[in-house]
Structure formats: C-alpha cells, structure tokens
Amino acid sequence: MADQPSWKNMTVGNIIADAGNASFRRTGDWRTERPVLDRDKCIKCALCWIYCPDAAIKPGDDGYYEADLYYCKGCGICAEICPVEAITRIEEEEK
C-alpha cells in the first residue's frame, strides 16, 4: 500500500498541470461552427488575432489573419469583433 499515492497527492481532474502542453492537443474537433475569412472585406486590423481567447488566429505572410482550425473552438468572438464583418461562421461538417 505504501507505493500508491494518497488522495492528497492526486491531480484534480480536468486540469492541465503542465504548462504549455495545451498546444499538443488539437481542440478544434470540439467546434460546431468554423470561421471563414472574406479577404475582399478584410482590412487586416488584427482585432480577430488580439481577441481570440485560444490564440487560434495566426498572422500570414500576406498580412491576413486566418484561423488555425486545429485549435479554433468556434466561439465566434472573431466574427463578432470584426469591424467590417469579414468573418462569417458556417456549420462544421461531419467528418
């Protein structure tokens, strides 16, 4: 019995204890809607990138900001914050 940890030493469930390990989990599978960028409307203001709570918006070499769908959970904050309505949300398709 001495080899088994007591309940006092166990990690609480649903907590990521190691810093930085969330980047190894592809949380985009949780999404029900995906963001779609209309480049003709986009003014490259970066508000979507600033407000994304999951850091799932990535700047491209061309100055546009696109969602990394491996990590985007589809919360819609980017679409709501866009001043020119360049981001819309579409229903995610079944895989």
Protein backbone atom coordinates (compact mmCIF):
# COMPACT_ATOMS: atom_id res chain seq x y z
CA MET A 1 0.00 0.00 0.00
CA ALA A 2 2.91 2.38 0.51
CA ASP A 3 3.53 2.56 -3.27
CA GLN A 4 0.12 4.03 -4.06
CA PRO A 5 -0.34 7.80 -3.74
CA SER A 6 -2.89 9.09 -1.27
CA TRP A 7 -5.84 11.21 -2.44
CA LYS A 8 -3.94 14.27 -1.22
CA ASN A 9 -1.24 13.73 -3.86
CA MET A 10 -3.55 13.15 -6.83
CA THR A 11 -4.11 15.77 -9.53
CA VAL A 12 -7.63 17.18 -9.69
CA GLY A 13 -9.48 16.06 -12.84
CA ASN A 14 -9.90 18.31 -15.91
CA ILE A 15 -6.82 20.34 -15.08
CA ILE A 16 -3.77 20.57 -17.32
CA ALA A 17 -0.97 20.66 -14.78
CA ASP A 18 2.00 21.04 -17.15
CA ALA A 19 2.49 24.49 -18.63
CA GLY A 20 2.43 24.69 -22.40
CA ASN A 21 1.06 21.25 -23.11
CA ALA A 22 -2.29 22.51 -24.48
CA SER A 23 -0.52 23.16 -27.80
CA PHE A 24 -0.19 19.38 -28.22
CA ARG A 25 -3.96 18.88 -28.09
CA ARG A 26 -5.98 19.56 -31.22
CA THR A 27 -9.04 21.14 -29.65
CA GLY A 28 -10.61 22.18 -32.96
CA ASP A 29 -12.59 18.94 -33.03
CA TRP A 30 -14.93 20.47 -30.41
CA ARG A 31 -16.12 23.09 -32.88
CA THR A 32 -19.65 23.13 -34.33
CA GLU A 33 -19.08 26.24 -36.47
CA ARG A 34 -15.95 27.39 -38.27
CA PRO A 35 -14.84 30.93 -39.09
CA VAL A 36 -14.43 31.85 -42.76
CA LEU A 37 -12.49 34.95 -43.79
CA ASP A 38 -13.60 37.06 -46.74
CA ARG A 39 -10.30 38.57 -47.92
CA ASP A 40 -12.11 41.13 -50.08
CA LYS A 41 -13.65 42.69 -46.95
CA CYS A 42 -10.72 42.22 -44.55
CA ILE A 43 -8.80 45.40 -43.64
CA LYS A 44 -6.04 43.49 -41.77
CA CYS A 45 -6.77 45.26 -38.47
CA ALA A 46 -5.75 42.19 -36.40
CA LEU A 47 -8.65 42.54 -33.94
CA CYS A 48 -9.55 38.88 -34.51
CA TRP A 49 -6.00 37.91 -33.57
CA ILE A 50 -5.99 40.14 -30.49
CA TYR A 51 -9.37 38.98 -29.13
CA CYS A 52 -9.09 35.23 -29.86
CA PRO A 53 -9.11 33.55 -26.42
CA ASP A 54 -7.34 30.44 -27.72
CA ALA A 55 -4.63 32.10 -29.84
CA ALA A 56 -6.08 30.17 -32.78
CA ILE A 57 -5.85 33.11 -35.19
CA LYS A 58 -2.49 33.18 -36.94
CA PRO A 59 -0.96 36.03 -38.98
CA GLY A 60 0.02 35.06 -42.51
CA ASP A 61 2.90 36.36 -44.60
CA ASP A 62 0.38 38.27 -46.74
CA GLY A 63 -0.94 40.28 -43.77
CA TYR A 64 -4.23 38.41 -43.40
CA TYR A 65 -5.19 36.62 -40.21
CA GLU A 66 -6.64 33.11 -40.56
CA ALA A 67 -7.99 30.66 -38.00
CA ASP A 68 -5.88 27.60 -37.28
CA LEU A 69 -8.67 25.04 -37.41
CA TYR A 70 -6.68 22.51 -35.38
CA TYR A 71 -7.16 24.77 -32.34
CA CYS A 72 -10.16 27.02 -33.12
CA LYS A 73 -13.12 26.01 -30.97
CA GLY A 74 -15.61 28.07 -32.99
CA CYS A 75 -16.56 30.51 -30.22
CA GLY A 76 -17.31 33.25 -32.78
CA ILE A 77 -15.54 36.09 -30.97
CA CYS A 78 -13.50 36.84 -34.10
CA ALA A 79 -16.66 37.21 -36.19
CA GLU A 80 -18.35 39.40 -33.58
CA ILE A 81 -15.36 41.72 -33.12
CA CYS A 82 -14.60 42.21 -36.85
CA PRO A 83 -15.47 45.84 -37.67
CA VAL A 84 -16.11 45.13 -41.37
CA GLU A 85 -17.86 41.75 -40.98
CA ALA A 86 -15.14 39.97 -42.95
CA ILE A 87 -15.51 36.82 -40.84
CA THR A 88 -18.59 34.66 -41.04
CA ARG A 89 -19.34 31.35 -39.37
CA ILE A 90 -20.50 28.26 -41.18
CA GLU A 91 -21.69 24.99 -39.72
CA GLU A 92 -18.97 22.41 -39.34
CA GLU A 93 -19.45 19.32 -41.48
CA GLU A 94 -19.41 15.80 -40.07
CA LYS A 95 -16.02 14.07 -40.54
